[in-house]
Amino acid sequence: MIIVTGSVTARPGSFAALREASLAHVHRSRLEDGCLLHSVQIDCENPLRLFFYEQWRDMAALQVHFAQPGSHVLMKAVRELAASSETISIYEANLAGA
């Protein structure tokens, strides 16, 4: 399984639009083959920051996800609406006993 984390901080006044774009991306992504979990949360300590957590079946599924038009739509929204975008982290996890 592949785990992806990342976050983005909205500019003041752009949070609602960034949240909407992020939720649309999450909902699209959940329908993709290989998506086990895809979510976005508002940071309790910084209400302008959105945190993404994803689980993918394998790296091939994640690479297909990154190539989807919907991923490009989100990246365009981030460029237009975010004050900052932290690095995306990708981890490989092996389930014990699997």
N, C-alpha and C. Protein backbone atom coordinates (compact mmCIF):
# COMPACT_ATOMS: atom_id res chain seq x y z
N MET A 1 0.85 -1.18 0.00
CA MET A 1 0.00 0.00 0.00
C MET A 1 0.89 1.24 0.00
N ILE A 2 0.42 2.26 -0.68
CA ILE A 2 1.12 3.54 -0.74
C ILE A 2 0.31 4.57 0.04
N ILE A 3 0.97 5.32 0.90
CA ILE A 3 0.34 6.37 1.69
C ILE A 3 0.90 7.71 1.22
N VAL A 4 0.01 8.66 0.99
CA VAL A 4 0.40 9.99 0.54
C VAL A 4 -0.14 11.01 1.53
N THR A 5 0.71 11.95 1.94
CA THR A 5 0.26 13.06 2.77
C THR A 5 0.73 14.36 2.14
N GLY A 6 -0.01 15.40 2.40
CA GLY A 6 0.37 16.72 1.91
C GLY A 6 -0.55 17.77 2.50
N SER A 7 -0.16 19.00 2.37
CA SER A 7 -1.01 20.08 2.88
C SER A 7 -0.83 21.32 2.05
N VAL A 8 -1.81 22.18 2.17
CA VAL A 8 -1.81 23.44 1.45
C VAL A 8 -2.47 24.48 2.36
N THR A 9 -1.94 25.68 2.34
CA THR A 9 -2.49 26.77 3.15
C THR A 9 -3.05 27.83 2.21
N ALA A 10 -4.30 28.15 2.42
CA ALA A 10 -4.99 29.14 1.58
C ALA A 10 -4.57 30.56 1.92
N ARG A 11 -4.64 31.41 0.93
CA ARG A 11 -4.49 32.84 1.19
C ARG A 11 -5.76 33.31 1.90
N PRO A 12 -5.67 34.33 2.75
CA PRO A 12 -6.88 34.86 3.35
C PRO A 12 -7.87 35.26 2.25
N GLY A 13 -9.11 34.89 2.43
CA GLY A 13 -10.14 35.20 1.45
C GLY A 13 -10.32 34.16 0.37
N SER A 14 -9.42 33.18 0.30
CA SER A 14 -9.54 32.16 -0.74
C SER A 14 -9.83 30.77 -0.18
N PHE A 15 -10.00 30.66 1.14
CA PHE A 15 -10.16 29.34 1.75
C PHE A 15 -11.37 28.59 1.20
N ALA A 16 -12.51 29.24 1.09
CA ALA A 16 -13.72 28.54 0.64
C ALA A 16 -13.53 27.95 -0.76
N ALA A 17 -12.93 28.69 -1.65
CA ALA A 17 -12.71 28.20 -3.01
C ALA A 17 -11.70 27.05 -3.02
N LEU A 18 -10.65 27.15 -2.20
CA LEU A 18 -9.65 26.07 -2.14
C LEU A 18 -10.26 24.82 -1.51
N ARG A 19 -11.07 25.00 -0.49
CA ARG A 19 -11.75 23.86 0.14
C ARG A 19 -12.67 23.17 -0.87
N GLU A 20 -13.41 23.95 -1.63
CA GLU A 20 -14.32 23.39 -2.63
C GLU A 20 -13.54 22.60 -3.70
N ALA A 21 -12.46 23.17 -4.18
CA ALA A 21 -11.63 22.47 -5.19
C ALA A 21 -11.04 21.19 -4.60
N SER A 22 -10.62 21.25 -3.34
CA SER A 22 -10.03 20.08 -2.68
C SER A 22 -11.06 18.97 -2.48
N LEU A 23 -12.26 19.34 -2.06
CA LEU A 23 -13.31 18.33 -1.88
C LEU A 23 -13.71 17.70 -3.21
N ALA A 24 -13.80 18.49 -4.26
CA ALA A 24 -14.12 17.95 -5.57
C ALA A 24 -13.05 16.95 -6.00
N HIS A 25 -11.79 17.28 -5.73
CA HIS A 25 -10.69 16.38 -6.07
C HIS A 25 -10.78 15.08 -5.27
N VAL A 26 -11.05 15.19 -3.99
CA VAL A 26 -11.18 14.00 -3.14
C VAL A 26 -12.30 13.10 -3.65
N HIS A 27 -13.45 13.68 -3.96
CA HIS A 27 -14.59 12.88 -4.41
C HIS A 27 -14.31 12.21 -5.75
N ARG A 28 -13.64 12.89 -6.66
CA ARG A 28 -13.23 12.28 -7.94
C ARG A 28 -12.24 11.14 -7.69
N SER A 29 -11.27 11.40 -6.84
CA SER A 29 -10.20 10.43 -6.60
C SER A 29 -10.72 9.14 -5.99
N ARG A 30 -11.70 9.23 -5.14
CA ARG A 30 -12.26 8.03 -4.50
C ARG A 30 -12.84 7.04 -5.51
N LEU A 31 -13.18 7.51 -6.69
CA LEU A 31 -13.76 6.65 -7.73
C LEU A 31 -12.70 5.97 -8.58
N GLU A 32 -11.44 6.35 -8.42
CA GLU A 32 -10.37 5.80 -9.24
C GLU A 32 -9.98 4.39 -8.79
N ASP A 33 -9.62 3.57 -9.77
CA ASP A 33 -9.14 2.23 -9.47
C ASP A 33 -7.87 2.33 -8.63
N GLY A 34 -7.83 1.60 -7.56
CA GLY A 34 -6.65 1.58 -6.69
C GLY A 34 -6.71 2.54 -5.53
N CYS A 35 -7.71 3.42 -5.49
CA CYS A 35 -7.85 4.34 -4.36
C CYS A 35 -8.51 3.60 -3.20
N LEU A 36 -7.80 3.48 -2.11
CA LEU A 36 -8.34 2.83 -0.91
C LEU A 36 -8.95 3.84 0.05
N LEU A 37 -8.37 5.04 0.08
CA LEU A 37 -8.86 6.10 0.96
C LEU A 37 -8.32 7.43 0.44
N HIS A 38 -9.15 8.45 0.46
CA HIS A 38 -8.71 9.78 0.03
C HIS A 38 -9.49 10.79 0.85
N SER A 39 -8.79 11.64 1.59
CA SER A 39 -9.50 12.57 2.46
C SER A 39 -8.77 13.89 2.56
N VAL A 40 -9.50 14.90 2.98
CA VAL A 40 -8.94 16.22 3.26
C VAL A 40 -9.58 16.72 4.55
N GLN A 41 -8.75 17.31 5.42
CA GLN A 41 -9.23 17.83 6.70
C GLN A 41 -8.72 19.25 6.89
N ILE A 42 -9.46 20.00 7.70
CA ILE A 42 -9.04 21.35 8.08
C ILE A 42 -8.17 21.22 9.33
N ASP A 43 -7.02 21.86 9.31
CA ASP A 43 -6.08 21.83 10.44
C ASP A 43 -6.69 22.58 11.63
N CYS A 44 -6.72 21.94 12.79
CA CYS A 44 -7.29 22.56 14.01
C CYS A 44 -6.48 23.75 14.50
N GLU A 45 -5.19 23.78 14.19
CA GLU A 45 -4.34 24.87 14.66
C GLU A 45 -4.21 26.01 13.65
N ASN A 46 -4.52 25.73 12.39
CA ASN A 46 -4.46 26.76 11.36
C ASN A 46 -5.66 26.57 10.44
N PRO A 47 -6.73 27.31 10.65
CA PRO A 47 -7.96 27.10 9.89
C PRO A 47 -7.86 27.44 8.39
N LEU A 48 -6.72 27.94 7.94
CA LEU A 48 -6.52 28.16 6.51
C LEU A 48 -5.77 26.99 5.85
N ARG A 49 -5.37 26.00 6.65
CA ARG A 49 -4.56 24.88 6.15
C ARG A 49 -5.42 23.64 5.96
N LEU A 50 -5.27 23.02 4.80
CA LEU A 50 -5.94 21.75 4.50
C LEU A 50 -4.89 20.65 4.46
N PHE A 51 -5.19 19.51 5.08
CA PHE A 51 -4.28 18.37 5.12
C PHE A 51 -4.90 17.21 4.34
N PHE A 52 -4.13 16.63 3.44
CA PHE A 52 -4.58 15.51 2.63
C PHE A 52 -3.96 14.21 3.13
N TYR A 53 -4.78 13.17 3.17
CA TYR A 53 -4.30 11.83 3.52
C TYR A 53 -4.90 10.85 2.52
N GLU A 54 -4.04 10.05 1.90
CA GLU A 54 -4.49 9.12 0.86
C GLU A 54 -3.84 7.76 1.07
N GLN A 55 -4.56 6.71 0.67
CA GLN A 55 -4.02 5.36 0.61
C GLN A 55 -4.33 4.79 -0.76
N TRP A 56 -3.29 4.24 -1.41
CA TRP A 56 -3.42 3.68 -2.74
C TRP A 56 -2.95 2.23 -2.72
N ARG A 57 -3.55 1.42 -3.57
CA ARG A 57 -3.21 0.00 -3.66
C ARG A 57 -1.73 -0.21 -3.94
N ASP A 58 -1.20 0.57 -4.89
CA ASP A 58 0.19 0.42 -5.29
C ASP A 58 0.66 1.69 -6.01
N MET A 59 1.95 1.74 -6.31
CA MET A 59 2.52 2.93 -6.95
C MET A 59 1.96 3.13 -8.36
N ALA A 60 1.65 2.06 -9.06
CA ALA A 60 1.08 2.20 -10.41
C ALA A 60 -0.25 2.95 -10.36
N ALA A 61 -1.10 2.62 -9.39
CA ALA A 61 -2.38 3.31 -9.25
C ALA A 61 -2.17 4.79 -8.91
N LEU A 62 -1.19 5.08 -8.06
CA LEU A 62 -0.91 6.47 -7.70
C LEU A 62 -0.40 7.25 -8.91
N GLN A 63 0.45 6.64 -9.71
CA GLN A 63 0.96 7.32 -10.90
C GLN A 63 -0.16 7.63 -11.89
N VAL A 64 -1.10 6.71 -12.04
CA VAL A 64 -2.26 6.97 -12.90
C VAL A 64 -3.08 8.13 -12.32
N HIS A 65 -3.24 8.14 -11.01
CA HIS A 65 -3.97 9.22 -10.33
C HIS A 65 -3.33 10.59 -10.61
N PHE A 66 -2.01 10.66 -10.48
CA PHE A 66 -1.33 11.93 -10.70
C PHE A 66 -1.47 12.41 -12.15
N ALA A 67 -1.69 11.50 -13.07
CA ALA A 67 -1.83 11.85 -14.49
C ALA A 67 -3.26 12.23 -14.87
N GLN A 68 -4.23 12.02 -13.98
CA GLN A 68 -5.63 12.31 -14.27
C GLN A 68 -5.86 13.82 -14.44
N PRO A 69 -6.77 14.20 -15.33
CA PRO A 69 -7.09 15.63 -15.49
C PRO A 69 -7.53 16.28 -14.17
N GLY A 70 -8.23 15.54 -13.32
CA GLY A 70 -8.69 16.09 -12.05
C GLY A 70 -7.54 16.49 -11.13
N SER A 71 -6.44 15.75 -11.19
CA SER A 71 -5.27 16.12 -10.40
C SER A 71 -4.68 17.43 -10.90
N HIS A 72 -4.70 17.62 -12.20
CA HIS A 72 -4.19 18.87 -12.78
C HIS A 72 -5.11 20.05 -12.42
N VAL A 73 -6.40 19.80 -12.35
CA VAL A 73 -7.36 20.84 -11.95
C VAL A 73 -7.06 21.29 -10.52
N LEU A 74 -6.81 20.33 -9.63
CA LEU A 74 -6.49 20.70 -8.24
C LEU A 74 -5.19 21.50 -8.19
N MET A 75 -4.18 21.07 -8.90
CA MET A 75 -2.89 21.77 -8.86
C MET A 75 -3.03 23.21 -9.38
N LYS A 76 -3.88 23.42 -10.38
CA LYS A 76 -4.14 24.78 -10.88
C LYS A 76 -4.80 25.62 -9.79
N ALA A 77 -5.78 25.04 -9.09
CA ALA A 77 -6.44 25.76 -7.99
C ALA A 77 -5.46 26.10 -6.89
N VAL A 78 -4.58 25.17 -6.56
CA VAL A 78 -3.57 25.42 -5.52
C VAL A 78 -2.69 26.59 -5.94
N ARG A 79 -2.23 26.59 -7.18
CA ARG A 79 -1.38 27.69 -7.65
C ARG A 79 -2.10 29.04 -7.56
N GLU A 80 -3.40 29.04 -7.82
CA GLU A 80 -4.16 30.29 -7.83
C GLU A 80 -4.60 30.74 -6.44
N LEU A 81 -4.85 29.82 -5.53
CA LEU A 81 -5.51 30.15 -4.27
C LEU A 81 -4.65 30.00 -3.02
N ALA A 82 -3.54 29.31 -3.12
CA ALA A 82 -2.76 28.99 -1.92
C ALA A 82 -1.68 30.02 -1.63
N ALA A 83 -1.46 30.24 -0.34
CA ALA A 83 -0.32 31.04 0.10
C ALA A 83 0.92 30.18 0.12
N SER A 84 0.74 28.88 0.43
CA SER A 84 1.86 27.95 0.43
C SER A 84 1.34 26.53 0.24
N SER A 85 2.22 25.70 -0.28
CA SER A 85 1.91 24.30 -0.49
C SER A 85 3.11 23.50 -0.02
N GLU A 86 2.91 22.67 0.99
CA GLU A 86 4.00 21.89 1.53
C GLU A 86 4.29 20.71 0.62
N THR A 87 5.43 20.12 0.79
CA THR A 87 5.85 18.98 0.00
C THR A 87 4.91 17.80 0.21
N ILE A 88 4.64 17.09 -0.86
CA ILE A 88 3.87 15.85 -0.78
C ILE A 88 4.83 14.75 -0.32
N SER A 89 4.41 13.96 0.65
CA SER A 89 5.22 12.83 1.12
C SER A 89 4.55 11.54 0.69
N ILE A 90 5.35 10.60 0.22
CA ILE A 90 4.85 9.31 -0.24
C ILE A 90 5.58 8.22 0.52
N TYR A 91 4.81 7.29 1.12
CA TYR A 91 5.37 6.21 1.91
C TYR A 91 4.84 4.88 1.40
N GLU A 92 5.66 3.85 1.49
CA GLU A 92 5.19 2.51 1.19
C GLU A 92 5.00 1.79 2.51
N ALA A 93 3.84 1.17 2.67
CA ALA A 93 3.53 0.47 3.92
C ALA A 93 3.22 -0.99 3.61
N ASN A 94 3.73 -1.87 4.44
CA ASN A 94 3.41 -3.28 4.34
C ASN A 94 2.61 -3.66 5.57
N LEU A 95 1.45 -4.23 5.35
CA LEU A 95 0.61 -4.63 6.46
C LEU A 95 1.15 -5.88 7.11
N ALA A 96 1.27 -5.87 8.42
CA ALA A 96 1.77 -7.03 9.16
C ALA A 96 0.85 -8.21 8.94
N GLY A 97 1.42 -9.35 8.65
CA GLY A 97 0.62 -10.54 8.46
C GLY A 97 0.01 -10.66 7.08
N ALA A 98 0.25 -9.66 6.23
CA ALA A 98 -0.34 -9.70 4.89
C ALA A 98 0.57 -10.41 3.92
